[in-house]
């Protein structure tokens, strides 16, 4: 299995389990996160799914994400993940900027 496919597989399964385990490996769950404020800011520049609620986590160790979709992440960035559409958005609140957008799926890993 290619290294990039393995990393993608880890990110996909991590995204799915993020809401269950609280993102203890690469992200920190953010119960104090202003979800509506973050989604409002991000929604100004990109169309967000309206039929589901995302999981939002805070990046705490960007070194662990090198070589993945989130390789440009920094401590404090927010990962917004929509499991229904498999859409992942990396947002940097300090700059009010979207850093990366991608679709994570099992098909990407199998290719």
C-alpha atoms as a PDB file:
ATOM      1  CA  UNK A   1       0.000   0.000   0.000  1.00  0.00           C
ATOM      2  CA  UNK A   2       1.369   3.401  -0.907  1.00  0.00           C
ATOM      3  CA  UNK A   3       2.319   5.676   1.947  1.00  0.00           C
ATOM      4  CA  UNK A   4      -0.083   8.400   0.759  1.00  0.00           C
ATOM      5  CA  UNK A   5      -2.939   5.888   0.565  1.00  0.00           C
ATOM      6  CA  UNK A   6      -2.163   4.686   4.061  1.00  0.00           C
ATOM      7  CA  UNK A   7      -2.142   8.245   5.392  1.00  0.00           C
ATOM      8  CA  UNK A   8      -5.437   8.938   3.616  1.00  0.00           C
ATOM      9  CA  UNK A   9      -6.940   5.789   5.131  1.00  0.00           C
ATOM     10  CA  UNK A  10      -5.879   6.931   8.597  1.00  0.00           C
ATOM     11  CA  UNK A  11      -7.361  10.399   8.021  1.00  0.00           C
ATOM     12  CA  UNK A  12     -10.644   8.937   6.731  1.00  0.00           C
ATOM     13  CA  UNK A  13     -11.111   6.598   9.654  1.00  0.00           C
ATOM     14  CA  UNK A  14      -9.968   9.285  12.043  1.00  0.00           C
ATOM     15  CA  UNK A  15     -12.573  11.664  10.661  1.00  0.00           C
ATOM     16  CA  UNK A  16     -15.306   9.116  11.171  1.00  0.00           C
ATOM     17  CA  UNK A  17     -14.197   8.328  14.686  1.00  0.00           C
ATOM     18  CA  UNK A  18     -13.512  11.936  15.586  1.00  0.00           C
ATOM     19  CA  UNK A  19     -16.891  12.558  17.138  1.00  0.00           C
ATOM     20  CA  UNK A  20     -16.722   9.267  19.029  1.00  0.00           C
ATOM     21  CA  UNK A  21     -13.247   9.374  20.527  1.00  0.00           C
ATOM     22  CA  UNK A  22     -12.814  13.137  20.767  1.00  0.00           C
ATOM     23  CA  UNK A  23      -9.874  13.355  18.381  1.00  0.00           C
ATOM     24  CA  UNK A  24      -7.252  12.478  20.975  1.00  0.00           C
ATOM     25  CA  UNK A  25      -4.506  11.643  18.459  1.00  0.00           C
ATOM     26  CA  UNK A  26      -4.016  14.618  16.123  1.00  0.00           C
ATOM     27  CA  UNK A  27      -6.854  16.907  17.080  1.00  0.00           C
ATOM     28  CA  UNK A  28      -8.488  18.158  20.210  1.00  0.00           C
ATOM     29  CA  UNK A  29     -12.252  18.243  20.524  1.00  0.00           C
ATOM     30  CA  UNK A  30     -13.418  21.766  21.023  1.00  0.00           C
ATOM     31  CA  UNK A  31     -16.514  21.907  23.211  1.00  0.00           C
ATOM     32  CA  UNK A  32     -16.001  25.641  23.647  1.00  0.00           C
ATOM     33  CA  UNK A  33     -15.719  26.187  19.897  1.00  0.00           C
ATOM     34  CA  UNK A  34     -18.174  28.691  18.495  1.00  0.00           C
ATOM     35  CA  UNK A  35     -19.527  26.307  15.870  1.00  0.00           C
ATOM     36  CA  UNK A  36     -22.015  28.742  14.379  1.00  0.00           C
ATOM     37  CA  UNK A  37     -19.369  31.485  14.220  1.00  0.00           C
ATOM     38  CA  UNK A  38     -16.861  29.232  12.456  1.00  0.00           C
ATOM     39  CA  UNK A  39     -19.459  27.935  10.007  1.00  0.00           C
ATOM     40  CA  UNK A  40     -20.648  31.482   9.355  1.00  0.00           C
ATOM     41  CA  UNK A  41     -17.120  32.619   8.491  1.00  0.00           C
ATOM     42  CA  UNK A  42     -16.334  29.583   6.335  1.00  0.00           C
ATOM     43  CA  UNK A  43     -19.761  29.756   4.679  1.00  0.00           C
ATOM     44  CA  UNK A  44     -18.929  33.221   3.335  1.00  0.00           C
ATOM     45  CA  UNK A  45     -16.453  31.717   0.878  1.00  0.00           C
ATOM     46  CA  UNK A  46     -17.596  28.148   0.278  1.00  0.00           C
ATOM     47  CA  UNK A  47     -20.973  26.447   0.010  1.00  0.00           C
ATOM     48  CA  UNK A  48     -21.453  24.179   3.026  1.00  0.00           C
ATOM     49  CA  UNK A  49     -23.820  21.198   3.262  1.00  0.00           C
ATOM     50  CA  UNK A  50     -27.031  22.334   4.924  1.00  0.00           C
ATOM     51  CA  UNK A  51     -28.527  18.922   5.650  1.00  0.00           C
ATOM     52  CA  UNK A  52     -25.966  17.762   8.223  1.00  0.00           C
ATOM     53  CA  UNK A  53     -23.981  19.058  11.152  1.00  0.00           C
ATOM     54  CA  UNK A  54     -20.209  18.848  10.873  1.00  0.00           C
ATOM     55  CA  UNK A  55     -17.676  17.663  13.389  1.00  0.00           C
ATOM     56  CA  UNK A  56     -15.206  20.408  14.230  1.00  0.00           C
ATOM     57  CA  UNK A  57     -11.836  19.724  15.825  1.00  0.00           C
ATOM     58  CA  UNK A  58      -8.782  21.817  16.631  1.00  0.00           C
ATOM     59  CA  UNK A  59      -5.345  20.847  15.320  1.00  0.00           C
ATOM     60  CA  UNK A  60      -2.923  20.314  18.216  1.00  0.00           C
ATOM     61  CA  UNK A  61      -0.007  18.550  16.476  1.00  0.00           C
ATOM     62  CA  UNK A  62       0.375  19.485  12.803  1.00  0.00           C
ATOM     63  CA  UNK A  63       3.604  17.443  12.476  1.00  0.00           C
ATOM     64  CA  UNK A  64       1.509  14.298  12.516  1.00  0.00           C
ATOM     65  CA  UNK A  65      -0.390  15.492   9.446  1.00  0.00           C
ATOM     66  CA  UNK A  66       2.562  16.032   7.099  1.00  0.00           C
ATOM     67  CA  UNK A  67       2.076  14.385   3.744  1.00  0.00           C
ATOM     68  CA  UNK A  68      -1.704  14.489   3.959  1.00  0.00           C
ATOM     69  CA  UNK A  69      -4.433  16.836   2.810  1.00  0.00           C
ATOM     70  CA  UNK A  70      -3.787  18.783   6.008  1.00  0.00           C
ATOM     71  CA  UNK A  71      -0.005  19.137   5.653  1.00  0.00           C
ATOM     72  CA  UNK A  72      -0.234  22.946   5.789  1.00  0.00           C
ATOM     73  CA  UNK A  73      -2.047  22.880   9.115  1.00  0.00           C
ATOM     74  CA  UNK A  74      -0.931  24.851  12.152  1.00  0.00           C
ATOM     75  CA  UNK A  75      -1.750  24.576  15.835  1.00  0.00           C
ATOM     76  CA  UNK A  76      -5.172  26.126  16.374  1.00  0.00           C
ATOM     77  CA  UNK A  77      -6.513  25.465  12.874  1.00  0.00           C
ATOM     78  CA  UNK A  78     -10.000  23.988  12.707  1.00  0.00           C
ATOM     79  CA  UNK A  79     -10.876  20.823  10.825  1.00  0.00           C
ATOM     80  CA  UNK A  80     -14.487  20.843   9.701  1.00  0.00           C
ATOM     81  CA  UNK A  81     -15.591  17.379   8.626  1.00  0.00           C
ATOM     82  CA  UNK A  82     -18.927  16.432   7.064  1.00  0.00           C
ATOM     83  CA  UNK A  83     -19.197  12.654   7.243  1.00  0.00           C
ATOM     84  CA  UNK A  84     -22.245  12.390   4.965  1.00  0.00           C
ATOM     85  CA  UNK A  85     -20.501  14.084   2.054  1.00  0.00           C
ATOM     86  CA  UNK A  86     -16.971  13.116   3.180  1.00  0.00           C
ATOM     87  CA  UNK A  87     -15.999  16.783   2.820  1.00  0.00           C
ATOM     88  CA  UNK A  88     -13.108  18.054   4.925  1.00  0.00           C
ATOM     89  CA  UNK A  89     -12.194  21.719   5.296  1.00  0.00           C
ATOM     90  CA  UNK A  90      -9.124  23.064   7.062  1.00  0.00           C
ATOM     91  CA  UNK A  91      -9.828  26.590   8.330  1.00  0.00           C
ATOM     92  CA  UNK A  92      -7.400  29.015   9.991  1.00  0.00           C
ATOM     93  CA  UNK A  93      -9.418  31.303  12.300  1.00  0.00           C
ATOM     94  CA  UNK A  94      -6.444  33.577  13.019  1.00  0.00           C
ATOM     95  CA  UNK A  95      -6.351  34.582   9.338  1.00  0.00           C
ATOM     96  CA  UNK A  96     -10.028  33.917   8.569  1.00  0.00           C
ATOM     97  CA  UNK A  97      -8.822  31.748   5.674  1.00  0.00           C
ATOM     98  CA  UNK A  98      -9.644  28.349   4.248  1.00  0.00           C
ATOM     99  CA  UNK A  99      -6.358  26.472   3.931  1.00  0.00           C
ATOM    100  CA  UNK A 100      -7.431  23.189   2.328  1.00  0.00           C
ATOM    101  CA  UNK A 101     -10.594  21.516   1.067  1.00  0.00           C
ATOM    102  CA  UNK A 102     -10.888  17.899   0.086  1.00  0.00           C
ATOM    103  CA  UNK A 103     -13.130  14.909  -0.213  1.00  0.00           C
ATOM    104  CA  UNK A 104     -12.100  11.861   1.736  1.00  0.00           C
ATOM    105  CA  UNK A 105     -13.431   8.499   0.649  1.00  0.00           C
ATOM    106  CA  UNK A 106     -12.573   4.825   0.806  1.00  0.00           C
ATOM    107  CA  UNK A 107     -12.393   4.769  -3.026  1.00  0.00           C
ATOM    108  CA  UNK A 108      -9.474   7.220  -2.886  1.00  0.00           C
ATOM    109  CA  UNK A 109      -7.588   4.798  -0.659  1.00  0.00           C
ATOM    110  CA  UNK A 110      -8.239   1.746  -2.844  1.00  0.00           C
ATOM    111  CA  UNK A 111      -6.809   3.366  -6.002  1.00  0.00           C
END
